[in-house]
Protein backbone atom coordinates (compact mmCIF):
# COMPACT_ATOMS: atom_id res chain seq x y z
CA UNK A 1 -44.69 84.92 48.10
CA UNK A 2 -41.03 86.54 49.62
CA UNK A 3 -40.12 89.89 48.31
CA UNK A 4 -36.80 89.54 46.73
CA UNK A 5 -37.99 88.51 43.27
CA UNK A 6 -40.65 91.37 43.46
CA UNK A 7 -37.50 93.12 43.80
CA UNK A 8 -34.98 91.76 41.89
CA UNK A 9 -37.63 92.05 38.99
CA UNK A 10 -38.02 95.42 39.47
CA UNK A 11 -34.55 96.33 39.99
CA UNK A 12 -33.76 95.20 36.41
CA UNK A 13 -36.92 96.51 34.82
CA UNK A 14 -35.98 100.02 35.84
CA UNK A 15 -32.42 99.54 34.65
CA UNK A 16 -33.86 98.20 31.20
CA UNK A 17 -36.35 101.71 31.14
CA UNK A 18 -33.09 103.82 32.28
CA UNK A 19 -30.83 102.61 29.03
CA UNK A 20 -33.96 102.20 26.78
CA UNK A 21 -34.71 106.46 27.56
CA UNK A 22 -31.05 106.95 27.43
CA UNK A 23 -30.70 105.46 23.91
CA UNK A 24 -33.26 107.82 23.11
CA UNK A 25 -32.27 110.24 24.49
CA UNK A 26 -29.02 110.01 22.12
CA UNK A 27 -30.77 109.31 19.17
CA UNK A 28 -32.24 113.30 19.13
CA UNK A 29 -35.62 112.46 20.99
CA UNK A 30 -36.18 115.97 23.38
CA UNK A 31 -38.79 116.95 25.91
CA UNK A 32 -41.77 115.81 25.75
CA UNK A 33 -41.25 112.75 23.65
CA UNK A 34 -38.29 112.11 26.33
CA UNK A 35 -41.35 111.79 28.81
CA UNK A 36 -44.43 110.51 26.55
CA UNK A 37 -41.30 107.72 26.37
CA UNK A 38 -41.38 107.68 30.19
CA UNK A 39 -45.01 107.24 30.49
CA UNK A 40 -45.33 104.47 27.66
CA UNK A 41 -42.71 102.44 30.08
CA UNK A 42 -44.16 102.64 33.26
CA UNK A 43 -46.34 99.45 32.01
CA UNK A 44 -44.07 97.94 30.71
CA UNK A 45 -41.99 97.99 33.61
CA UNK A 46 -45.27 96.87 35.97
CA UNK A 47 -46.04 93.63 32.96
CA UNK A 48 -42.21 93.17 33.46
CA UNK A 49 -42.50 92.49 36.97
CA UNK A 50 -45.33 91.12 36.74
CA UNK A 51 -44.91 88.61 34.16
CA UNK A 52 -40.79 87.71 36.12
CA UNK A 53 -42.83 86.83 39.42
CA UNK A 54 -45.58 84.49 37.44
CA UNK A 55 -42.76 83.26 35.96
CA UNK A 56 -41.04 81.97 38.87
CA UNK A 57 -43.33 79.50 40.12
CA UNK A 58 -44.32 78.16 36.34
CA UNK A 59 -41.16 77.34 35.41
CA UNK A 60 -39.63 75.55 38.87
CA UNK A 61 -40.52 72.67 37.42
CA UNK A 62 -38.88 72.85 33.52
CA UNK A 63 -35.49 71.23 32.53
CA UNK A 64 -32.75 73.38 31.81
CA UNK A 65 -33.78 73.70 27.72
CA UNK A 66 -37.17 75.20 28.58
CA UNK A 67 -36.28 77.43 30.93
CA UNK A 68 -33.80 79.28 28.47
CA UNK A 69 -36.05 78.46 25.53
CA UNK A 70 -39.00 80.71 27.47
CA UNK A 71 -36.21 83.15 28.45
CA UNK A 72 -35.95 84.02 24.89
CA UNK A 73 -39.44 84.07 24.02
CA UNK A 74 -40.09 86.31 26.54
CA UNK A 75 -37.14 88.76 25.55
CA UNK A 76 -38.43 88.59 21.69
CA UNK A 77 -42.34 88.61 22.80
CA UNK A 78 -41.59 91.80 24.91
CA UNK A 79 -39.60 93.13 21.82
CA UNK A 80 -42.79 93.15 19.93
CA UNK A 81 -45.18 94.36 22.14
CA UNK A 82 -42.93 97.11 22.76
CA UNK A 83 -42.71 97.60 18.73
CA UNK A 84 -46.24 97.46 18.37
CA UNK A 85 -47.01 99.93 20.85
CA UNK A 86 -44.53 102.86 19.56
CA UNK A 87 -45.87 102.21 15.85
CA UNK A 88 -49.61 102.42 17.26
CA UNK A 89 -48.54 106.09 18.94
CA UNK A 90 -46.88 106.92 15.91
CA UNK A 91 -43.33 106.79 16.72
CA UNK A 92 -42.44 104.45 14.87
CA UNK A 93 -43.92 104.34 11.26
CA UNK A 94 -45.68 101.34 9.66
CA UNK A 95 -42.64 100.55 7.08
CA UNK A 96 -39.83 101.19 9.96
CA UNK A 97 -41.99 98.62 12.16
CA UNK A 98 -42.51 96.22 10.01
CA UNK A 99 -38.74 96.12 8.95
CA UNK A 100 -37.51 95.78 13.10
CA UNK A 101 -41.03 93.03 13.44
CA UNK A 102 -38.70 91.23 10.96
CA UNK A 103 -35.61 91.46 12.57
CA UNK A 104 -37.10 90.68 16.30
CA UNK A 105 -38.77 88.03 14.78
CA UNK A 106 -35.65 86.82 13.75
CA UNK A 107 -34.06 87.05 16.85
CA UNK A 108 -36.54 85.46 18.06
CA UNK A 109 -35.93 82.30 16.66
CA UNK A 110 -31.53 83.03 16.86
CA UNK A 111 -32.78 82.99 20.66
CA UNK A 112 -34.69 79.55 20.73
CA UNK A 113 -31.62 77.83 18.98
CA UNK A 114 -28.96 79.00 20.69
CA UNK A 115 -31.13 78.62 24.20
CA UNK A 116 -31.73 75.09 22.90
CA UNK A 117 -28.03 74.49 21.83
CA UNK A 118 -27.11 75.78 25.24
CA UNK A 119 -29.11 73.99 26.84
CA UNK A 120 -28.12 70.65 25.60
CA UNK A 121 -24.65 70.15 27.29
CA UNK A 122 -26.43 71.38 30.91
CA UNK A 123 -28.46 68.40 30.12
CA UNK A 124 -25.78 65.44 29.35
CA UNK A 125 -24.09 66.79 32.66
CA UNK A 126 -27.58 66.65 34.73
CA UNK A 127 -27.81 63.37 32.97
CA UNK A 128 -24.17 61.75 34.19
CA UNK A 129 -25.00 63.46 37.56
CA UNK A 130 -27.93 61.59 38.18
CA UNK A 131 -26.69 58.77 36.74
CA UNK A 132 -23.42 59.09 39.01
CA UNK A 133 -25.38 59.80 42.31
CA UNK A 134 -27.75 56.77 41.89
CA UNK A 135 -24.41 54.71 40.85
CA UNK A 136 -23.24 55.38 44.45
CA UNK A 137 -26.55 55.56 46.19
CA UNK A 138 -26.24 51.61 44.93
CA UNK A 139 -23.13 50.87 46.83
CA UNK A 140 -20.18 51.73 43.64
CA UNK A 141 -18.08 54.23 45.35
CA UNK A 142 -15.46 53.80 43.19
CA UNK A 143 -18.15 56.01 40.13
CA UNK A 144 -17.02 59.39 39.46
CA UNK A 145 -18.17 63.00 37.65
CA UNK A 146 -14.74 64.37 36.59
CA UNK A 147 -15.34 67.40 33.96
CA UNK A 148 -18.66 68.77 33.00
CA UNK A 149 -17.34 71.60 30.82
CA UNK A 150 -20.83 72.71 31.10
CA UNK A 151 -20.37 75.80 33.17
CA UNK A 152 -18.37 76.72 36.76
CA UNK A 153 -21.56 75.79 38.86
CA UNK A 154 -22.03 72.17 37.73
CA UNK A 155 -18.33 71.69 37.01
CA UNK A 156 -18.23 73.12 41.13
CA UNK A 157 -20.65 70.62 41.95
CA UNK A 158 -18.98 67.36 40.00
CA UNK A 159 -16.09 68.47 42.46
CA UNK A 160 -17.93 68.80 45.35
CA UNK A 161 -19.80 65.27 44.37
CA UNK A 162 -16.41 63.12 44.06
CA UNK A 163 -14.48 64.32 46.91
CA UNK A 164 -17.44 63.24 49.01
CA UNK A 165 -17.53 59.67 46.99
CA UNK A 166 -13.63 60.15 48.27
CA UNK A 167 -13.98 60.84 51.51
CA UNK A 168 -16.68 58.18 51.49
CA UNK A 169 -14.93 55.25 50.34
CA UNK A 170 -11.58 56.05 52.39
CA UNK A 171 -14.15 56.19 55.97
CA UNK A 172 -15.92 52.72 54.56
CA UNK A 173 -12.00 51.45 53.54
CA UNK A 174 -11.00 52.45 57.24
CA UNK A 175 -13.66 50.89 59.37
CA UNK A 176 -13.48 47.70 57.57
CA UNK A 177 -9.51 48.40 58.48
CA UNK A 178 -11.19 49.17 61.84
CA UNK A 179 -13.40 46.24 61.54
CA UNK A 180 -10.46 43.45 60.41
CA UNK A 181 -7.83 45.09 63.29
CA UNK A 182 -11.23 43.94 65.70
CA UNK A 183 -11.74 40.51 64.11
CA UNK A 184 -7.69 39.85 64.25
CA UNK A 185 -7.19 41.38 67.91
CA UNK A 186 -10.01 38.88 69.27
CA UNK A 187 -8.86 35.95 67.17
CA UNK A 188 -4.42 36.56 68.61
CA UNK A 189 -6.07 37.55 72.34
CA UNK A 190 -8.15 34.07 72.22
CA UNK A 191 -5.75 32.39 71.26
CA UNK A 192 -2.46 33.91 73.11
CA UNK A 193 -5.25 33.63 75.77
CA UNK A 194 -5.75 29.67 75.94
CA UNK A 195 -2.20 28.27 76.63
CA UNK A 196 -1.53 30.68 79.58
CA UNK A 197 -5.10 29.54 81.18
CA UNK A 198 -4.82 25.99 80.31
CA UNK A 199 -1.84 26.02 81.89
CA UNK A 200 -2.69 28.00 85.15
CA UNK A 201 -6.03 25.65 85.46
CA UNK A 202 -3.78 22.32 84.72
CA UNK A 203 -1.86 23.60 87.65
CA UNK A 204 -4.37 24.94 90.18
CA UNK A 205 -5.97 20.88 89.90
CA UNK A 206 -3.15 18.92 90.51
CA UNK A 207 -2.50 21.33 93.31
CA UNK A 208 -6.66 21.44 95.01
CA UNK A 209 -6.64 17.00 93.70
CA UNK A 210 -3.22 16.11 95.61
CA UNK A 211 -1.46 15.17 92.83
CA UNK A 212 1.18 17.25 93.74
CA UNK A 213 2.32 16.82 97.39
CA UNK A 214 6.32 16.71 97.70
CA UNK A 215 8.50 20.02 97.73
CA UNK A 216 10.13 19.57 94.88
CA UNK A 217 7.31 19.09 92.81
CA UNK A 218 5.15 21.31 94.11
CA UNK A 219 7.78 24.47 93.26
CA UNK A 220 8.20 23.29 89.60
CA UNK A 221 4.89 23.44 89.68
CA UNK A 222 4.42 27.61 91.63
CA UNK A 223 7.23 28.41 89.19
CA UNK A 224 5.18 27.90 86.25
CA UNK A 225 2.63 29.29 87.88
CA UNK A 226 4.51 32.21 87.58
CA UNK A 227 5.87 31.62 84.03
CA UNK A 228 1.90 31.75 82.67
CA UNK A 229 0.57 34.84 84.79
CA UNK A 230 4.68 36.73 83.64
CA UNK A 231 2.92 35.86 80.35
CA UNK A 232 -0.44 36.92 81.14
CA UNK A 233 1.05 40.23 82.26
CA UNK A 234 2.83 41.28 80.10
CA UNK A 235 -0.32 40.88 77.34
CA UNK A 236 -2.55 42.30 78.97
CA UNK A 237 0.40 45.92 79.20
CA UNK A 238 1.28 45.66 75.72
CA UNK A 239 -2.66 45.52 74.74
CA UNK A 240 -3.08 48.62 77.28
CA UNK A 241 0.10 50.77 76.31
CA UNK A 242 -1.43 49.86 72.60
CA UNK A 243 -3.88 51.56 73.25
CA UNK A 244 -3.53 54.24 75.26
CA UNK A 245 -1.05 55.30 73.73
CA UNK A 246 -1.71 59.36 72.88
CA UNK A 247 0.70 60.74 70.07
CA UNK A 248 0.61 64.31 70.79
CA UNK A 249 0.84 63.38 74.71
CA UNK A 250 3.42 61.83 74.10
CA UNK A 251 4.98 63.94 71.45
CA UNK A 252 5.87 66.96 74.21
CA UNK A 253 6.71 64.94 77.04
CA UNK A 254 9.91 65.75 78.09
CA UNK A 255 13.50 64.11 77.49
CA UNK A 256 14.18 62.33 80.88
CA UNK A 257 16.31 60.26 80.76
CA UNK A 258 20.08 59.17 78.85
CA UNK A 259 20.01 56.83 76.36
CA UNK A 260 23.91 54.75 77.98
CA UNK A 261 20.68 54.40 80.91
CA UNK A 262 18.64 53.16 79.22
CA UNK A 263 20.38 50.39 76.82
CA UNK A 264 22.14 49.96 80.05
CA UNK A 265 18.35 48.41 82.00
CA UNK A 266 17.27 46.86 78.55
CA UNK A 267 20.30 45.18 78.74
CA UNK A 268 20.52 43.97 82.10
CA UNK A 269 16.69 42.93 81.60
CA UNK A 270 17.07 40.41 79.13
CA UNK A 271 20.05 39.59 80.32
CA UNK A 272 19.14 36.29 81.51
CA UNK A 273 17.18 35.26 78.41
CA UNK A 274 19.80 35.47 76.23
CA UNK A 275 22.54 33.51 78.75
CA UNK A 276 19.66 30.98 78.69
CA UNK A 277 20.22 30.64 74.70
CA UNK A 278 24.01 31.22 74.61
CA UNK A 279 23.92 34.02 72.73
CA UNK A 280 26.24 37.19 73.53
CA UNK A 281 24.53 40.84 73.59
CA UNK A 282 27.01 43.03 72.25
CA UNK A 283 26.34 47.38 72.52
CA UNK A 284 28.46 49.80 71.38
CA UNK A 285 27.02 53.61 71.99
CA UNK A 286 30.03 55.67 69.98
CA UNK A 287 29.62 59.36 71.45
CA UNK A 288 25.42 58.76 71.46
CA UNK A 289 25.57 57.49 74.91
CA UNK A 290 24.77 61.03 76.56
CA UNK A 291 22.03 61.77 74.32
CA UNK A 292 18.28 62.42 76.21
CA UNK A 293 15.17 59.87 75.35
CA UNK A 294 12.11 59.55 77.20
CA UNK A 295 11.89 56.47 79.08
CA UNK A 296 9.47 55.09 76.52
CA UNK A 297 12.59 54.12 74.01
CA UNK A 298 12.96 51.24 76.83
CA UNK A 299 9.92 49.96 76.47
CA UNK A 300 11.38 49.88 72.24
CA UNK A 301 14.39 48.40 72.66
CA UNK A 302 13.16 45.94 75.14
CA UNK A 303 10.74 44.72 72.63
CA UNK A 304 13.25 44.83 69.45
CA UNK A 305 15.71 43.37 72.21
CA UNK A 306 13.59 40.10 73.41
CA UNK A 307 12.57 39.57 69.24
CA UNK A 308 16.13 39.52 68.22
CA UNK A 309 16.93 37.07 70.71
CA UNK A 310 14.11 34.80 70.28
CA UNK A 311 14.51 34.59 66.21
CA UNK A 312 18.18 33.88 67.30
CA UNK A 313 19.79 30.27 66.92
CA UNK A 314 22.33 28.99 69.54
CA UNK A 315 25.98 30.56 69.49
CA UNK A 316 24.76 33.99 67.89
CA UNK A 317 25.39 37.23 68.46
CA UNK A 318 22.67 40.31 69.49
CA UNK A 319 24.18 44.03 68.85
CA UNK A 320 22.76 47.45 69.94
CA UNK A 321 24.40 49.94 68.55
CA UNK A 322 23.83 54.14 68.81
CA UNK A 323 25.00 57.48 66.95
CA UNK A 324 24.79 60.54 66.12
CA UNK A 325 23.37 61.90 62.58
CA UNK A 326 21.98 64.49 60.92
CA UNK A 327 20.59 66.34 64.01
CA UNK A 328 19.14 62.98 65.96
CA UNK A 329 19.74 59.81 66.95
CA UNK A 330 20.04 56.47 65.68
CA UNK A 331 19.54 53.21 67.34
CA UNK A 332 20.02 49.71 65.82
CA UNK A 333 19.43 46.54 67.41
CA UNK A 334 20.95 43.93 64.76
CA UNK A 335 21.46 40.11 65.07
CA UNK A 336 22.64 36.92 63.35
CA UNK A 337 19.44 34.96 63.37
CA UNK A 338 16.85 33.92 60.76
CA UNK A 339 16.02 36.58 59.13
CA UNK A 340 12.36 37.95 57.97
CA UNK A 341 11.52 36.59 53.93
CA UNK A 342 11.31 39.85 51.76
CA UNK A 343 7.33 39.58 51.52
CA UNK A 344 6.54 39.75 54.73
CA UNK A 345 9.14 42.97 55.77
CA UNK A 346 6.23 45.12 54.79
CA UNK A 347 4.01 43.25 57.90
CA UNK A 348 5.68 43.01 60.53
CA UNK A 349 4.73 46.58 62.46
CA UNK A 350 1.21 45.31 61.67
CA UNK A 351 -0.59 44.21 64.90
CA UNK A 352 -1.11 40.97 65.83
CA UNK A 353 1.02 39.64 62.91
CA UNK A 354 2.88 36.43 63.86
CA UNK A 355 5.43 35.11 60.60
CA UNK A 356 5.66 31.68 62.82
CA UNK A 357 1.70 30.54 61.10
CA UNK A 358 1.56 27.65 63.74
CA UNK A 359 2.12 30.36 67.17
CA UNK A 360 4.02 28.66 69.15
CA UNK A 361 6.41 31.01 70.06
CA UNK A 362 4.91 33.23 73.37
CA UNK A 363 3.53 36.77 72.89
CA UNK A 364 0.75 37.65 70.43
CA UNK A 365 2.20 39.90 67.57
CA UNK A 366 2.50 42.75 69.86
CA UNK A 367 5.79 44.42 70.30
CA UNK A 368 7.08 45.31 67.22
CA UNK A 369 4.19 47.35 66.19
CA UNK A 370 3.80 48.80 69.94
CA UNK A 371 7.67 49.54 68.98
CA UNK A 372 6.81 51.65 66.15
CA UNK A 373 3.67 53.15 67.56
CA UNK A 374 5.93 54.86 70.09
CA UNK A 375 8.03 55.22 67.48
CA UNK A 376 6.44 57.54 65.72
CA UNK A 377 4.43 58.95 68.44
CA UNK A 378 7.97 61.00 69.36
CA UNK A 379 8.45 61.69 65.54
CA UNK A 380 11.03 59.40 64.34
CA UNK A 381 11.16 56.62 62.81
CA UNK A 382 11.81 53.09 62.90
CA UNK A 383 12.70 51.28 59.83
CA UNK A 384 14.07 46.87 58.74
CA UNK A 385 16.51 45.90 56.59
CA UNK A 386 16.74 41.77 56.42
CA UNK A 387 16.89 38.17 54.07
CA UNK A 388 16.69 34.89 55.12
CA UNK A 389 19.46 33.38 57.07
CA UNK A 390 20.95 36.51 57.20
CA UNK A 391 19.90 38.19 60.06
CA UNK A 392 17.94 41.07 60.95
CA UNK A 393 18.60 45.19 61.35
CA UNK A 394 16.05 47.85 63.03
CA UNK A 395 16.77 51.05 63.34
CA UNK A 396 15.24 53.31 65.19
CA UNK A 397 15.57 57.14 64.53
CA UNK A 398 14.96 59.36 66.88
CA UNK A 399 15.34 63.49 66.72
CA UNK A 400 16.86 65.53 69.30
């Protein structure tokens, strides 16, 4: 048994005894009368301490209603016992004792009634807590308790349980999203690996079986082999960079490149792809060419430019523009291509999502997702505007 309950009960009894003596003094009691009263209070205080200590284990399994009624009963019985002791020692005459006893009996009934009424709201609150906790345990994570109106303690408990349920729900939703992304990754990568691997196997078997032996055909097969290897290499690079990109590390990287140089290198890298389709690639930096930026922006602009070239028909136009505005640099890649449907705009930056349901074009749908990840890691923003048959406009805004 710990001594804390005993010390608490003794302190409360001492305060009660001191208050009683003070009331006696104010009522005109003097000298020996106060001494006798103090001596009478000593056994009363001892009984109070013992009763309080014994009541703890007895009431531990009692309901709120039982505890409140027990408190009212203890207070009334103690008052009646003290009144009886005072009457027996002639401190109070029989008439006054009877009158005070009737008043204490009424107080007993009032205390019990108050305990029963007060316990109803707490009992209902505990019942709501129990039912909601049971539903949460059964997997109904939408269940909430709300305000109980049963006192600050139970209301705080209800808020804590609701917040816990909310956090658990968000955690499970995030886990399900991550699981779905993993499944999409496996599906997308498996699909995109199948084509280059099949091409590599076909070329290797043709060369091994001697099907191809003349130099022109062999060179053509080797060129196709190089294309398939490049496709695999790009896919692996995108996956690796998407997984390894750390936002804090990127955010604190110092800018080491000029925007003009980055745009120039990107246009040069995509020139052959554009010329093969007969596209014109225009650029206009409008005073923003000297802006400092992260070299990672080259990857962003290259993905956007390749995407624009891929989805723009022959003889179309792809344009890169840059301008300074409001303490930032905005780089826009626009095209005159096929555009994007309105219901697909919210998903263009999702990893592994492809607007082409047949997945007949190269890539795993990682380019735009990687671009968004890099831009946001640099503290910027990327937006898209598009409409079917009206082209697309991707805007990258970077802080300076």
